[in-house]
Amino acid sequence: METWARNEPRTSKIAQGENDPGLRRVSSTVRAAKRADRDGRAGTLRAALAVAAVAVLIGAPAAVAGGRFDRPRFDGSADTTWMPGSAPVVAAANAPDGPHDASTTSAIASIDTALTGQAAAIANGSATAFLAPVDMSLRGDMRRRFEALRAVKATDYATRLVTAPVLAGDRWRAGIEVRFCAGATGCPPAPVQVETTWIINGDGALLVAWGQSTRNGPRPWEVSELRAAVGSRVVVAATPRYASRLQATLATAERAAAKADRYARWRPRPARYVVYLAGADEWASWFGGKQPVWAAGYTLPLTPDYSEIVLNATRVDSTEVAATLTHEFAHVTTLAGVQRNYTDSWLLVEGLAEYATHADKPVREYPWLDGTRRYVSSGRWPGTAGLAAPAESASVSDATGLYGVAYLAVRRIGERFGQDKLLSFFAAVARDGRTAAQASPGVLGVPWTDAAADCDRYIRQAVS
């Protein structure tokens, strides 16, 4: 959600990559799997949505175990006007600031020529051309990156220099920025910055070292061999170990996207939702790792309008993918463009994501109703007006119940006042930053104390 924090575990709050100097907002939806309610044991937990602002360019909503949600602040290090597809011309405003001496100017031109050729090679699918300016010692890693980018159907791929090359001995070090869209053109730019090293001679620039992105990195395509399945609304990628799950996950994800797309009221729906299936090693490393052991997934907004989602393939089984992805995708659509803290909006942020997932079925079919019932009867439920994100120390049972009462409260607001007013109330509070007490009279026509008390009665009846 929209809170900035440093190094906070993603138990339903903001998380940050270990190697990320920027602030980021990350939230994860926490809940027990259906089987936990069936057999009374704590089953697989799903972090249905760790939508958070990851690093300077990430943000998204999710369930929180008592954390804050923050939207990433754009610090100006990334140019938001340069668009993928445009050539990184040295003379353009996006080129490294000058003036430069003759050797640096020549190095810029040589590196730019190599980068432009690689961008064309991605578009044309030519590994030979992509690897042409790459040293033999680096070709294995760069070939893997090329294949990963092709797997996710990278379009509008473009690179540019973001720092002027610096000569160190006989090698030039330069920061570059990479941008592309997965699966379809037209996505908002989500840049990756990497340090590179080059040897430059009469034959041009030769890439001899490619660093690892430090902001929200490493990205999956940087470090892993990927396979992918691409649909009309979703791209699903995984390492070879989980490639057999791609087609089934894609089919489920396409249905989830159709639900979430209905809630793209404030920003256009994403060109594609991008989902990665992570094994244990990838879960601990992609985007900086450091996810809670129970988490099943998280969403990282790389920009206010572009997010990527990671599912823990070791914890999310086929029965949980549909609900988990619908919840995650709903965070993407309902919080797109938000750049403010919405910690105090946890009830509406998580409740609406659950509503988008389950509102088309009767309350009695809500898969976590038993867990919600246990929580309400435990004496720890503070009521709708006092509801907040689960604490990090919260039990699985309480976290499940908190999500359940958030869902039922939002559902009741929709039933009583209509969906249009529900969404207007959500926008006023979660997106615009007003308190529920401030927004309720004008949007719902009643004081928040009235609406919250009515939600409490509805919840008690639903779980009775």
Protein backbone atom coordinates (compact mmCIF):
# COMPACT_ATOMS: atom_id res chain seq x y z
CA MET A 1 0.00 0.00 0.00
CA GLU A 2 1.29 3.38 0.29
CA THR A 3 3.77 3.68 3.03
CA TRP A 4 7.45 4.14 2.92
CA ALA A 5 9.56 2.01 5.15
CA ARG A 6 13.04 0.58 5.24
CA ASN A 7 13.86 -3.07 5.74
CA GLU A 8 10.46 -4.01 7.08
CA PRO A 9 9.34 -7.58 6.58
CA ARG A 10 6.51 -8.01 4.19
CA THR A 11 4.08 -9.54 6.59
CA SER A 12 1.44 -7.28 5.28
CA LYS A 13 3.33 -4.14 5.23
CA ILE A 14 5.98 -2.31 3.41
CA ALA A 15 9.07 -4.21 2.57
CA GLN A 16 12.32 -3.21 1.06
CA GLY A 17 14.99 -5.04 -0.81
CA GLU A 18 18.16 -5.62 1.12
CA ASN A 19 20.16 -3.86 -1.54
CA ASP A 20 17.70 -1.10 -2.28
CA PRO A 21 18.68 2.32 -1.00
CA GLY A 22 15.29 3.78 -1.76
CA LEU A 23 12.10 3.59 0.18
CA ARG A 24 9.36 1.41 -1.01
CA ARG A 25 5.90 0.36 -0.13
CA VAL A 26 5.06 -3.31 -0.12
CA SER A 27 2.10 -5.06 1.30
CA SER A 28 1.08 -8.65 1.30
CA THR A 29 -2.25 -10.23 1.81
CA VAL A 30 -2.14 -12.79 4.55
CA ARG A 31 -4.54 -15.61 4.91
CA ALA A 32 -4.76 -19.31 5.43
CA ALA A 33 -5.63 -21.65 2.65
CA LYS A 34 -9.08 -23.17 2.43
CA ARG A 35 -7.80 -26.40 3.79
CA ALA A 36 -6.80 -24.66 7.00
CA ASP A 37 -10.45 -23.93 7.64
CA ARG A 38 -11.44 -27.45 6.66
CA ASP A 39 -9.12 -29.32 8.96
CA GLY A 40 -8.46 -26.75 11.67
CA ARG A 41 -4.75 -26.50 10.93
CA ALA A 42 -2.88 -23.47 9.73
CA GLY A 43 -2.49 -24.23 6.05
CA THR A 44 -0.57 -22.51 3.34
CA LEU A 45 -0.62 -18.77 3.74
CA ARG A 46 -1.24 -16.57 0.79
CA ALA A 47 0.20 -13.12 0.64
CA ALA A 48 -2.48 -12.27 -1.80
CA LEU A 49 -1.14 -8.94 -2.47
CA ALA A 50 2.07 -7.43 -1.49
CA VAL A 51 1.32 -4.50 -3.59
CA ALA A 52 3.74 -2.01 -2.46
CA ALA A 53 5.93 0.64 -3.63
CA VAL A 54 9.09 -1.23 -4.02
CA ALA A 55 11.99 1.08 -4.02
CA VAL A 56 11.94 4.41 -5.63
CA LEU A 57 9.76 3.15 -8.42
CA ILE A 58 7.59 0.60 -6.74
CA GLY A 59 4.36 0.64 -4.90
CA ALA A 60 1.33 -1.44 -4.37
CA PRO A 61 -1.30 -2.62 -1.97
CA ALA A 62 -1.50 -5.80 -0.02
CA ALA A 63 -2.43 -7.32 3.18
CA VAL A 64 -0.45 -6.36 6.08
CA ALA A 65 0.42 -7.89 9.32
CA GLY A 66 0.45 -4.71 11.13
CA GLY A 67 2.57 -2.68 8.85
CA ARG A 68 2.51 0.54 6.93
CA PHE A 69 1.93 1.01 3.28
CA ASP A 70 3.90 3.54 1.35
CA ARG A 71 4.07 4.74 -2.16
CA PRO A 72 7.51 5.20 -3.59
CA ARG A 73 8.64 8.72 -4.03
CA PHE A 74 10.18 9.52 -7.34
CA ASP A 75 13.53 11.06 -6.59
CA GLY A 76 14.19 12.35 -10.05
CA SER A 77 16.90 9.81 -10.79
CA ALA A 78 14.71 8.25 -13.43
CA ASP A 79 13.61 10.30 -16.38
CA THR A 80 9.87 9.96 -16.81
CA THR A 81 9.64 11.56 -20.22
CA TRP A 82 12.00 9.39 -22.23
CA MET A 83 9.93 6.58 -23.68
CA PRO A 84 10.95 3.08 -24.76
CA GLY A 85 11.46 2.78 -28.46
CA SER A 86 13.30 6.06 -28.81
CA ALA A 87 16.94 5.79 -29.68
CA PRO A 88 19.28 6.79 -26.86
CA VAL A 89 20.83 9.54 -28.93
CA VAL A 90 23.85 11.06 -27.26
CA ALA A 91 22.86 14.59 -28.11
CA ALA A 92 19.41 14.23 -26.59
CA ALA A 93 18.43 15.70 -23.22
CA ASN A 94 18.65 12.23 -21.72
CA ALA A 95 22.30 11.78 -22.58
CA PRO A 96 24.87 12.19 -19.79
CA ASP A 97 25.48 15.81 -18.92
CA GLY A 98 28.41 17.42 -20.66
CA PRO A 99 30.62 18.88 -21.77
CA HIS A 100 33.02 15.95 -22.11
CA ASP A 101 36.54 15.63 -23.32
CA ALA A 102 37.20 14.05 -26.70
CA SER A 103 37.89 10.54 -25.37
CA THR A 104 34.72 10.51 -23.22
CA THR A 105 32.64 11.78 -26.13
CA SER A 106 34.05 9.03 -28.31
CA ALA A 107 33.34 6.43 -25.61
CA ILE A 108 29.74 7.64 -25.32
CA ALA A 109 29.25 7.29 -29.05
CA SER A 110 30.78 3.79 -29.13
CA ILE A 111 28.72 2.51 -26.20
CA ASP A 112 25.60 4.10 -27.61
CA THR A 113 26.14 2.31 -30.92
CA ALA A 114 26.50 -1.03 -29.13
CA LEU A 115 23.39 -0.47 -27.00
CA THR A 116 21.31 0.62 -29.98
CA GLY A 117 22.35 -2.51 -31.87
CA GLN A 118 21.35 -4.69 -28.94
CA ALA A 119 17.95 -3.03 -28.73
CA ALA A 120 17.37 -3.80 -32.40
CA ALA A 121 18.50 -7.39 -31.79
CA ILE A 122 15.88 -7.85 -29.05
CA ALA A 123 13.19 -6.63 -31.42
CA ASN A 124 14.44 -8.85 -34.25
CA GLY A 125 15.13 -11.90 -32.12
CA SER A 126 18.76 -12.10 -33.15
CA ALA A 127 20.93 -13.53 -30.38
CA THR A 128 23.95 -13.25 -32.65
CA ALA A 129 23.49 -9.50 -33.05
CA PHE A 130 22.74 -9.04 -29.35
CA LEU A 131 25.93 -10.83 -28.35
CA ALA A 132 28.12 -9.23 -31.01
CA PRO A 133 29.41 -6.43 -28.72
CA VAL A 134 29.79 -8.79 -25.72
CA ASP A 135 33.05 -10.32 -24.50
CA MET A 136 33.22 -14.11 -24.69
CA SER A 137 33.51 -14.39 -20.89
CA LEU A 138 30.14 -12.67 -20.48
CA ARG A 139 28.23 -14.23 -23.33
CA GLY A 140 26.66 -17.02 -21.28
CA ASP A 141 25.01 -14.61 -18.84
CA MET A 142 24.00 -12.17 -21.57
CA ARG A 143 22.56 -14.98 -23.69
CA ARG A 144 20.43 -16.01 -20.69
CA ARG A 145 19.18 -12.43 -20.33
CA PHE A 146 18.42 -12.24 -24.03
CA GLU A 147 16.42 -15.48 -23.90
CA ALA A 148 14.55 -14.33 -20.78
CA LEU A 149 13.57 -11.07 -22.43
CA ARG A 150 12.42 -12.89 -25.53
CA ALA A 151 10.45 -15.35 -23.39
CA VAL A 152 8.36 -12.57 -21.83
CA LYS A 153 8.01 -10.98 -25.27
CA ALA A 154 9.87 -7.82 -24.37
CA THR A 155 8.72 -4.99 -26.60
CA ASP A 156 9.79 -1.36 -26.83
CA TYR A 157 13.16 -2.46 -25.48
CA ALA A 158 15.53 0.47 -25.24
CA THR A 159 18.67 1.40 -23.36
CA ARG A 160 20.48 4.62 -22.68
CA LEU A 161 23.48 5.92 -20.83
CA VAL A 162 22.57 7.59 -17.56
CA THR A 163 26.10 8.46 -16.47
CA ALA A 164 29.03 9.46 -18.59
CA PRO A 165 31.63 6.71 -18.99
CA VAL A 166 34.60 6.95 -16.64
CA LEU A 167 37.96 5.54 -17.65
CA ALA A 168 39.57 3.21 -15.08
CA GLY A 169 42.77 1.77 -16.41
CA ASP A 170 41.97 0.47 -19.87
CA ARG A 171 38.24 0.06 -19.21
CA TRP A 172 35.27 2.38 -19.22
CA ARG A 173 32.61 2.17 -16.51
CA ALA A 174 29.15 3.51 -17.36
CA GLY A 175 25.69 3.40 -15.86
CA ILE A 176 22.95 2.40 -18.28
CA GLU A 177 19.19 2.26 -18.06
CA VAL A 178 17.05 -0.50 -19.55
CA ARG A 179 13.34 -0.22 -20.26
CA PHE A 180 10.86 -2.54 -21.95
CA CYS A 181 7.28 -3.77 -21.84
CA ALA A 182 6.39 -7.43 -21.29
CA GLY A 183 3.90 -8.96 -23.67
CA ALA A 184 2.53 -5.79 -25.23
CA THR A 185 3.59 -2.28 -26.15
CA GLY A 186 2.42 0.80 -24.37
CA CYS A 187 3.24 0.10 -20.73
CA PRO A 188 4.52 2.93 -18.53
CA PRO A 189 8.33 2.87 -18.43
CA ALA A 190 9.76 0.87 -15.52
CA PRO A 191 13.49 1.50 -15.77
CA VAL A 192 16.31 -0.69 -14.50
CA GLN A 193 19.71 0.88 -13.92
CA VAL A 194 22.86 -1.21 -14.13
CA GLU A 195 26.58 -0.51 -13.95
CA THR A 196 28.48 -1.78 -16.99
CA THR A 197 32.14 -2.00 -17.99
CA TRP A 198 33.46 -1.69 -21.55
CA ILE A 199 36.68 -1.97 -23.51
CA ILE A 200 36.77 0.54 -26.34
CA ASN A 201 39.14 0.39 -29.28
CA GLY A 202 39.10 0.93 -32.99
CA ASP A 203 36.52 -1.82 -33.41
CA GLY A 204 34.01 -0.12 -31.11
CA ALA A 205 32.76 -0.91 -27.60
CA LEU A 206 33.00 -4.40 -26.08
CA LEU A 207 30.88 -5.17 -23.01
CA VAL A 208 33.00 -7.01 -20.42
CA ALA A 209 30.92 -6.66 -17.24
CA TRP A 210 27.22 -6.26 -16.46
CA GLY A 211 26.36 -5.45 -12.86
CA GLN A 212 23.18 -6.18 -10.95
CA SER A 213 20.48 -3.58 -10.58
CA THR A 214 20.43 -2.21 -7.07
CA ARG A 215 17.00 -0.64 -6.97
CA ASN A 216 14.38 -3.33 -6.58
CA GLY A 217 16.79 -5.81 -7.97
CA PRO A 218 17.71 -8.17 -9.16
CA ARG A 219 14.77 -8.40 -11.54
CA PRO A 220 13.93 -11.97 -12.57
CA TRP A 221 15.09 -11.53 -16.17
CA GLU A 222 18.49 -10.31 -14.96
CA VAL A 223 19.47 -13.42 -13.03
CA SER A 224 17.25 -16.36 -13.96
CA GLU A 225 16.57 -18.58 -16.91
CA LEU A 226 12.91 -18.00 -17.72
CA ARG A 227 10.11 -19.68 -19.62
CA ALA A 228 6.87 -17.81 -20.19
CA ALA A 229 3.28 -18.09 -21.31
CA VAL A 230 1.72 -14.97 -22.79
CA GLY A 231 -2.00 -14.35 -22.98
CA SER A 232 -4.21 -11.47 -24.01
CA ARG A 233 -4.08 -9.88 -20.54
CA VAL A 234 -1.33 -11.63 -18.60
CA VAL A 235 2.29 -12.73 -18.93
CA VAL A 236 3.30 -15.58 -16.60
CA ALA A 237 6.99 -16.47 -16.34
CA ALA A 238 8.88 -19.08 -14.33
CA THR A 239 12.19 -20.88 -14.12
CA PRO A 240 12.37 -24.21 -15.99
CA ARG A 241 11.53 -26.10 -12.79
CA TYR A 242 8.02 -24.63 -12.78
CA ALA A 243 7.51 -24.33 -16.52
CA SER A 244 4.94 -27.14 -16.44
CA ARG A 245 2.65 -24.88 -14.41
CA LEU A 246 2.73 -21.97 -16.83
CA GLN A 247 -0.23 -22.77 -19.07
CA ALA A 248 -2.59 -23.64 -16.23
CA THR A 249 -1.54 -20.56 -14.29
CA LEU A 250 -2.00 -18.39 -17.36
CA ALA A 251 -5.53 -19.68 -17.95
CA THR A 252 -6.44 -18.91 -14.35
CA ALA A 253 -4.69 -15.54 -14.47
CA GLU A 254 -6.62 -14.49 -17.58
CA ARG A 255 -9.88 -15.06 -15.71
CA ALA A 256 -8.56 -13.18 -12.70
CA ALA A 257 -7.56 -10.28 -14.93
CA ALA A 258 -11.06 -10.05 -16.36
CA LYS A 259 -12.39 -9.53 -12.84
CA ALA A 260 -9.74 -7.03 -11.83
CA ASP A 261 -10.07 -5.04 -15.05
CA ARG A 262 -13.57 -4.02 -13.95
CA TYR A 263 -12.01 -1.99 -11.16
CA ALA A 264 -9.71 0.05 -13.40
CA ARG A 265 -11.84 3.12 -12.72
CA TRP A 266 -9.10 5.68 -12.13
CA ARG A 267 -6.33 4.65 -14.50
CA PRO A 268 -6.34 2.59 -17.70
CA ARG A 269 -6.06 -1.12 -17.12
CA PRO A 270 -2.49 -2.39 -17.48
CA ALA A 271 -1.40 -3.45 -20.94
CA ARG A 272 -0.48 -6.78 -19.35
CA TYR A 273 -0.36 -8.06 -15.80
CA VAL A 274 3.08 -9.62 -15.27
CA VAL A 275 3.36 -12.60 -12.91
CA TYR A 276 6.45 -14.57 -11.91
CA LEU A 277 6.37 -18.01 -10.28
CA ALA A 278 9.26 -18.23 -7.84
CA GLY A 279 10.94 -21.29 -6.41
CA ALA A 280 12.60 -21.14 -3.01
CA ASP A 281 15.84 -19.67 -4.35
CA GLU A 282 14.09 -17.08 -6.50
CA TRP A 283 11.72 -16.16 -3.67
CA ALA A 284 14.74 -15.32 -1.55
CA SER A 285 16.47 -13.23 -4.22
CA TRP A 286 14.16 -11.67 -6.83
CA PHE A 287 13.46 -7.99 -6.19
CA GLY A 288 15.67 -8.08 -3.13
CA GLY A 289 14.06 -11.08 -1.43
CA LYS A 290 13.40 -10.88 2.32
CA GLN A 291 9.79 -12.04 2.20
CA PRO A 292 8.11 -13.61 5.23
CA VAL A 293 8.24 -17.38 5.32
CA TRP A 294 4.45 -17.62 5.23
CA ALA A 295 3.92 -15.29 2.31
CA ALA A 296 2.52 -16.73 -0.86
CA GLY A 297 2.83 -13.72 -3.11
CA TYR A 298 3.41 -10.00 -3.41
CA THR A 299 2.92 -7.20 -5.88
CA LEU A 300 5.58 -4.60 -6.53
CA PRO A 301 4.59 -1.41 -8.28
CA LEU A 302 7.71 -0.46 -10.19
CA THR A 303 6.11 2.85 -11.08
CA PRO A 304 2.78 4.34 -9.95
CA ASP A 305 1.15 2.76 -12.99
CA TYR A 306 3.12 -0.44 -13.47
CA SER A 307 3.45 -3.39 -11.14
CA GLU A 308 4.82 -6.92 -11.26
CA ILE A 309 3.62 -9.83 -9.16
CA VAL A 310 5.54 -12.72 -7.66
CA LEU A 311 3.89 -15.92 -6.45
CA ASN A 312 5.67 -18.35 -4.17
CA ALA A 313 5.36 -21.51 -6.25
CA THR A 314 6.32 -23.65 -3.25
CA ARG A 315 3.29 -22.41 -1.30
CA VAL A 316 0.54 -21.49 -3.76
CA ASP A 317 -1.21 -24.55 -5.14
CA SER A 318 -3.68 -24.76 -8.00
CA THR A 319 -6.68 -24.26 -5.71
CA GLU A 320 -5.35 -20.90 -4.49
CA VAL A 321 -4.07 -19.27 -7.66
CA ALA A 322 -7.39 -17.81 -8.82
CA ALA A 323 -8.23 -16.01 -5.58
CA THR A 324 -4.64 -14.93 -4.96
CA LEU A 325 -4.19 -13.43 -8.41
CA THR A 326 -7.59 -11.74 -8.49
CA HIS A 327 -6.79 -10.08 -5.17
CA GLU A 328 -3.35 -9.05 -6.42
CA PHE A 329 -4.62 -7.75 -9.74
CA ALA A 330 -7.34 -5.78 -7.94
CA HIS A 331 -4.68 -3.98 -5.96
CA VAL A 332 -2.95 -3.11 -9.21
CA THR A 333 -6.07 -1.57 -10.75
CA THR A 334 -7.51 0.14 -7.68
CA LEU A 335 -4.25 1.71 -6.51
CA ALA A 336 -2.74 2.61 -9.87
CA GLY A 337 -1.38 6.13 -9.82
CA VAL A 338 -1.56 6.56 -6.06
CA GLN A 339 1.48 8.25 -4.58
CA ARG A 340 0.46 8.82 -1.00
CA ASN A 341 0.49 6.95 2.27
CA TYR A 342 -2.65 4.89 2.79
CA THR A 343 -1.75 3.06 5.94
CA ASP A 344 -4.97 4.14 7.59
CA SER A 345 -6.98 2.79 4.65
CA TRP A 346 -6.13 -0.86 5.23
CA LEU A 347 -9.78 -1.80 5.75
CA LEU A 348 -10.81 -0.45 2.36
CA VAL A 349 -7.65 -1.41 0.45
CA GLU A 350 -7.73 -5.06 1.49
CA GLY A 351 -11.49 -5.28 1.76
CA LEU A 352 -11.96 -4.05 -1.79
CA ALA A 353 -9.39 -6.51 -3.15
CA GLU A 354 -11.30 -9.32 -1.42
CA TYR A 355 -14.57 -7.85 -2.67
CA ALA A 356 -13.32 -7.90 -6.27
CA THR A 357 -12.40 -11.55 -5.73
CA HIS A 358 -15.48 -12.88 -3.94
CA ALA A 359 -18.42 -10.47 -4.32
CA ASP A 360 -19.96 -12.51 -7.14
CA LYS A 361 -20.71 -15.37 -4.73
CA PRO A 362 -22.91 -15.61 -1.62
CA VAL A 363 -21.27 -14.75 1.68
CA ARG A 364 -21.68 -18.34 2.85
CA GLU A 365 -19.26 -19.43 0.11
CA TYR A 366 -16.46 -17.11 1.24
CA PRO A 367 -13.59 -19.57 1.71
CA TRP A 368 -12.32 -18.00 4.92
CA LEU A 369 -15.66 -17.54 6.61
CA ASP A 370 -14.84 -20.06 9.34
CA GLY A 371 -11.63 -18.23 10.15
CA THR A 372 -13.53 -14.95 10.20
CA ARG A 373 -16.08 -16.46 12.55
CA ARG A 374 -13.38 -17.60 14.95
CA TYR A 375 -11.80 -14.17 14.96
CA VAL A 376 -15.05 -12.31 15.56
CA SER A 377 -15.93 -14.60 18.46
CA SER A 378 -12.41 -14.39 19.95
CA GLY A 379 -13.02 -11.03 21.57
CA ARG A 380 -10.08 -9.46 19.70
CA TRP A 381 -12.14 -7.94 16.91
CA PRO A 382 -12.22 -4.15 17.48
CA GLY A 383 -15.16 -3.52 15.17
CA THR A 384 -15.14 -1.92 11.74
CA ALA A 385 -14.29 1.59 12.89
CA GLY A 386 -11.21 0.35 14.76
CA LEU A 387 -9.97 -2.19 12.24
CA ALA A 388 -6.28 -2.01 11.32
CA ALA A 389 -3.77 -4.22 9.53
CA PRO A 390 -2.68 -7.38 11.35
CA ALA A 391 0.33 -6.94 13.60
CA GLU A 392 3.49 -8.75 12.58
CA SER A 393 3.05 -10.89 15.65
CA ALA A 394 -0.53 -11.77 14.70
CA SER A 395 -1.39 -15.44 14.41
CA VAL A 396 -2.44 -16.94 11.12
CA SER A 397 -5.93 -17.26 12.54
CA ASP A 398 -6.20 -13.59 13.47
CA ALA A 399 -4.71 -12.43 10.17
CA THR A 400 -7.22 -14.56 8.28
CA GLY A 401 -10.05 -13.14 10.38
CA LEU A 402 -8.95 -9.56 9.81
CA TYR A 403 -9.07 -10.01 6.07
CA GLY A 404 -12.44 -11.62 6.39
CA VAL A 405 -14.02 -8.80 8.39
CA ALA A 406 -12.48 -6.24 6.01
CA TYR A 407 -14.12 -8.06 3.12
CA LEU A 408 -17.50 -8.29 4.84
CA ALA A 409 -17.43 -4.62 5.82
CA VAL A 410 -16.70 -3.52 2.26
CA ARG A 411 -19.32 -5.90 0.94
CA ARG A 412 -21.89 -4.40 3.29
CA ILE A 413 -21.07 -0.86 2.17
CA GLY A 414 -21.60 -1.97 -1.42
CA GLU A 415 -24.90 -3.69 -0.62
CA ARG A 416 -26.27 -0.79 1.39
CA PHE A 417 -25.11 2.16 -0.69
CA GLY A 418 -24.43 0.62 -4.10
CA GLN A 419 -21.15 -0.16 -5.80
CA ASP A 420 -20.70 3.30 -7.30
CA LYS A 421 -20.79 4.92 -3.87
CA LEU A 422 -18.57 2.18 -2.47
CA LEU A 423 -15.92 2.94 -5.08
CA SER A 424 -16.30 6.69 -4.57
CA PHE A 425 -15.81 6.16 -0.84
CA PHE A 426 -12.75 4.02 -1.52
CA ALA A 427 -11.32 6.70 -3.81
CA ALA A 428 -11.90 9.46 -1.29
CA VAL A 429 -10.17 7.55 1.51
CA ALA A 430 -7.58 5.20 -0.02
CA ARG A 431 -6.64 7.23 -3.08
CA ASP A 432 -7.23 10.84 -2.01
CA GLY A 433 -6.26 10.58 1.64
CA ARG A 434 -9.38 11.71 3.43
CA THR A 435 -10.37 9.92 6.61
CA ALA A 436 -13.43 7.70 6.64
CA ALA A 437 -15.08 10.14 9.03
CA GLN A 438 -14.43 13.02 6.65
CA ALA A 439 -15.56 11.23 3.51
CA SER A 440 -18.56 9.26 4.72
CA PRO A 441 -21.16 12.06 5.10
CA GLY A 442 -20.55 13.49 1.65
CA VAL A 443 -20.14 10.20 -0.21
CA LEU A 444 -22.33 7.76 1.68
CA GLY A 445 -24.76 10.31 3.13
CA VAL A 446 -24.38 9.10 6.71
CA PRO A 447 -21.72 9.58 9.42
CA TRP A 448 -18.96 6.97 9.45
CA THR A 449 -20.05 5.87 12.92
CA ASP A 450 -23.43 4.93 11.44
CA ALA A 451 -21.93 3.08 8.46
CA ALA A 452 -19.35 1.27 10.62
CA ALA A 453 -21.94 0.18 13.19
CA ASP A 454 -24.10 -1.18 10.37
CA CYS A 455 -21.09 -3.12 9.04
CA ASP A 456 -20.57 -4.60 12.53
CA ARG A 457 -24.15 -5.85 12.64
CA TYR A 458 -23.78 -7.33 9.15
CA ILE A 459 -20.53 -9.10 10.07
CA ARG A 460 -22.00 -10.60 13.24
CA GLN A 461 -24.97 -11.87 11.28
CA ALA A 462 -22.78 -13.27 8.48
CA VAL A 463 -20.70 -15.35 10.90
CA SER A 464 -23.53 -16.40 13.20
